[in-house]
């Protein structure tokens, strides 16, 4: 049984395990990360500090941030 490809706009550098974990959790677009904290994302198996750093940088480029940074 072939795995179906999910269309997403996540940064490519975060790696396959992190991408799979994020997609499984329902994250497909960068803007969705403004509703969640880094701490909560790190609880997902496969998401580590490198993925968080890359996501943070991508959010910063769009003048966005994780939820705990928005205050």
N, C-alpha and C. Protein backbone atom coordinates (compact mmCIF):
# COMPACT_ATOMS: atom_id res chain seq x y z
N UNK A 1 0.84 -1.18 0.00
CA UNK A 1 0.00 0.00 0.00
C UNK A 1 0.89 1.25 0.00
N UNK A 2 0.74 2.10 -0.98
CA UNK A 2 1.55 3.31 -1.11
C UNK A 2 1.03 4.40 -0.19
N UNK A 3 1.95 5.15 0.41
CA UNK A 3 1.58 6.26 1.28
C UNK A 3 1.20 7.46 0.41
N UNK A 4 0.07 8.09 0.71
CA UNK A 4 -0.40 9.22 -0.05
C UNK A 4 0.40 10.47 0.30
N UNK A 5 0.81 11.20 -0.72
CA UNK A 5 1.53 12.45 -0.52
C UNK A 5 0.55 13.54 -0.09
N UNK A 6 0.91 14.29 0.95
CA UNK A 6 0.09 15.39 1.44
C UNK A 6 0.73 16.69 0.96
N UNK A 7 -0.09 17.55 0.37
CA UNK A 7 0.42 18.84 -0.09
C UNK A 7 0.65 19.72 1.14
N UNK A 8 1.83 20.34 1.21
CA UNK A 8 2.16 21.20 2.35
C UNK A 8 3.15 22.26 1.94
N UNK A 9 3.31 23.25 2.80
CA UNK A 9 4.28 24.32 2.55
C UNK A 9 5.26 24.44 3.72
N UNK A 10 5.61 23.30 4.31
CA UNK A 10 6.57 23.29 5.42
C UNK A 10 7.98 23.44 4.85
N UNK A 11 8.89 24.07 5.60
CA UNK A 11 10.27 24.20 5.13
C UNK A 11 10.90 22.84 4.88
N UNK A 12 11.65 22.70 3.80
CA UNK A 12 12.24 21.42 3.44
C UNK A 12 13.37 20.97 4.36
N UNK A 13 14.08 21.87 4.96
CA UNK A 13 15.23 21.53 5.77
C UNK A 13 14.94 20.87 7.10
N UNK A 14 13.67 20.77 7.50
CA UNK A 14 13.38 20.22 8.82
C UNK A 14 13.54 18.71 8.89
N UNK A 15 13.61 18.05 7.77
CA UNK A 15 13.84 16.61 7.76
C UNK A 15 12.54 15.81 7.68
N UNK A 16 12.68 14.59 7.21
CA UNK A 16 11.51 13.74 7.00
C UNK A 16 10.78 13.34 8.28
N UNK A 17 11.50 12.92 9.36
CA UNK A 17 10.77 12.54 10.58
C UNK A 17 9.92 13.70 11.14
N UNK A 18 10.50 14.90 11.16
CA UNK A 18 9.76 16.05 11.68
C UNK A 18 8.60 16.41 10.75
N UNK A 19 8.85 16.39 9.45
CA UNK A 19 7.78 16.69 8.50
C UNK A 19 6.63 15.71 8.66
N UNK A 20 6.94 14.43 8.75
CA UNK A 20 5.89 13.42 8.93
C UNK A 20 5.11 13.65 10.23
N UNK A 21 5.81 13.94 11.31
CA UNK A 21 5.15 14.17 12.60
C UNK A 21 4.23 15.39 12.52
N UNK A 22 4.71 16.45 11.89
CA UNK A 22 3.91 17.67 11.79
C UNK A 22 2.69 17.47 10.90
N UNK A 23 2.88 16.76 9.79
CA UNK A 23 1.74 16.48 8.91
C UNK A 23 0.71 15.61 9.60
N UNK A 24 1.18 14.62 10.34
CA UNK A 24 0.27 13.75 11.09
C UNK A 24 -0.53 14.53 12.13
N UNK A 25 0.09 15.57 12.68
CA UNK A 25 -0.57 16.41 13.68
C UNK A 25 -1.47 17.46 13.03
N UNK A 26 -1.47 17.50 11.69
CA UNK A 26 -2.37 18.41 10.98
C UNK A 26 -1.76 19.72 10.53
N UNK A 27 -0.45 19.87 10.69
CA UNK A 27 0.22 21.10 10.26
C UNK A 27 0.65 20.96 8.81
N UNK A 28 0.10 21.80 7.95
CA UNK A 28 0.44 21.75 6.53
C UNK A 28 0.97 23.08 6.01
N UNK A 29 0.70 24.15 6.75
CA UNK A 29 1.13 25.49 6.32
C UNK A 29 1.81 26.22 7.47
N UNK A 30 2.80 27.01 7.14
CA UNK A 30 3.61 27.72 8.13
C UNK A 30 2.75 28.57 9.08
N UNK A 31 1.73 29.21 8.56
CA UNK A 31 0.90 30.10 9.36
C UNK A 31 0.22 29.37 10.53
N UNK A 32 0.03 28.08 10.43
CA UNK A 32 -0.62 27.31 11.50
C UNK A 32 0.22 27.28 12.77
N UNK A 33 1.51 27.50 12.66
CA UNK A 33 2.39 27.42 13.83
C UNK A 33 2.24 28.63 14.75
N UNK A 34 1.51 29.64 14.34
CA UNK A 34 1.28 30.79 15.21
C UNK A 34 0.30 30.46 16.32
N UNK A 35 -0.33 29.30 16.24
CA UNK A 35 -1.33 28.90 17.25
C UNK A 35 -0.78 27.87 18.23
N UNK A 36 0.50 27.55 18.13
CA UNK A 36 1.09 26.50 18.97
C UNK A 36 2.45 26.97 19.49
N UNK A 37 2.84 26.43 20.63
CA UNK A 37 4.13 26.80 21.22
C UNK A 37 5.23 25.83 20.78
N UNK A 38 6.45 26.29 20.87
CA UNK A 38 7.60 25.43 20.58
C UNK A 38 7.58 24.22 21.51
N UNK A 39 7.27 24.46 22.77
CA UNK A 39 7.24 23.39 23.78
C UNK A 39 6.27 22.28 23.37
N UNK A 40 5.09 22.66 22.88
CA UNK A 40 4.11 21.66 22.45
C UNK A 40 4.59 20.90 21.22
N UNK A 41 5.24 21.59 20.29
CA UNK A 41 5.75 20.92 19.09
C UNK A 41 6.84 19.92 19.43
N UNK A 42 7.66 20.25 20.42
CA UNK A 42 8.75 19.35 20.81
C UNK A 42 8.23 18.05 21.43
N UNK A 43 6.96 18.02 21.82
CA UNK A 43 6.36 16.80 22.36
C UNK A 43 6.06 15.78 21.26
N UNK A 44 6.04 16.24 20.01
CA UNK A 44 5.76 15.34 18.89
C UNK A 44 6.99 14.50 18.58
N UNK A 45 6.82 13.20 18.51
CA UNK A 45 7.93 12.30 18.20
C UNK A 45 8.45 12.61 16.81
N UNK A 46 9.73 12.93 16.70
CA UNK A 46 10.34 13.26 15.42
C UNK A 46 10.67 14.73 15.27
N UNK A 47 10.07 15.56 16.12
CA UNK A 47 10.33 17.00 16.07
C UNK A 47 11.36 17.35 17.14
N UNK A 48 12.49 17.88 16.70
CA UNK A 48 13.56 18.23 17.62
C UNK A 48 13.98 19.68 17.49
N UNK A 49 15.04 20.05 18.19
CA UNK A 49 15.52 21.43 18.18
C UNK A 49 15.83 21.97 16.79
N UNK A 50 16.39 21.14 15.91
CA UNK A 50 16.71 21.59 14.56
C UNK A 50 15.44 22.00 13.81
N UNK A 51 14.41 21.18 13.88
CA UNK A 51 13.15 21.49 13.21
C UNK A 51 12.54 22.77 13.77
N UNK A 52 12.60 22.94 15.08
CA UNK A 52 12.05 24.14 15.71
C UNK A 52 12.81 25.37 15.24
N UNK A 53 14.14 25.27 15.18
CA UNK A 53 14.95 26.41 14.73
C UNK A 53 14.60 26.80 13.30
N UNK A 54 14.46 25.83 12.43
CA UNK A 54 14.14 26.10 11.03
C UNK A 54 12.74 26.70 10.91
N UNK A 55 11.80 26.17 11.66
CA UNK A 55 10.44 26.73 11.65
C UNK A 55 10.44 28.16 12.19
N UNK A 56 11.19 28.40 13.28
CA UNK A 56 11.27 29.74 13.86
C UNK A 56 11.82 30.74 12.85
N UNK A 57 12.88 30.34 12.14
CA UNK A 57 13.48 31.22 11.13
C UNK A 57 12.50 31.49 9.99
N UNK A 58 11.79 30.47 9.55
CA UNK A 58 10.81 30.64 8.46
C UNK A 58 9.66 31.54 8.90
N UNK A 59 9.21 31.38 10.14
CA UNK A 59 8.17 32.25 10.67
C UNK A 59 8.66 33.69 10.74
N UNK A 60 9.88 33.87 11.23
CA UNK A 60 10.46 35.21 11.37
C UNK A 60 10.52 35.92 10.02
N UNK A 61 10.86 35.19 8.97
CA UNK A 61 10.92 35.79 7.63
C UNK A 61 9.57 36.35 7.19
N UNK A 62 8.49 35.76 7.70
CA UNK A 62 7.13 36.22 7.36
C UNK A 62 6.55 37.12 8.46
N UNK A 63 7.43 37.53 9.39
CA UNK A 63 7.03 38.38 10.52
C UNK A 63 5.95 37.71 11.38
N UNK A 64 6.11 36.39 11.57
CA UNK A 64 5.22 35.61 12.40
C UNK A 64 6.03 34.98 13.52
N UNK A 65 5.35 34.38 14.50
CA UNK A 65 6.06 33.70 15.58
C UNK A 65 5.18 32.61 16.18
N UNK A 66 5.80 31.73 16.95
CA UNK A 66 5.05 30.72 17.68
C UNK A 66 4.16 31.43 18.71
N UNK A 67 3.16 30.73 19.22
CA UNK A 67 2.16 31.37 20.09
C UNK A 67 2.75 32.04 21.33
N UNK A 68 3.71 31.41 21.99
CA UNK A 68 4.26 32.00 23.22
C UNK A 68 5.11 33.23 22.94
N UNK A 69 5.56 33.41 21.68
CA UNK A 69 6.39 34.56 21.32
C UNK A 69 5.55 35.77 20.93
N UNK A 70 4.24 35.59 20.75
CA UNK A 70 3.39 36.65 20.20
C UNK A 70 2.94 37.66 21.25
N UNK A 71 3.25 37.44 22.50
CA UNK A 71 2.74 38.33 23.57
C UNK A 71 3.49 39.62 23.65
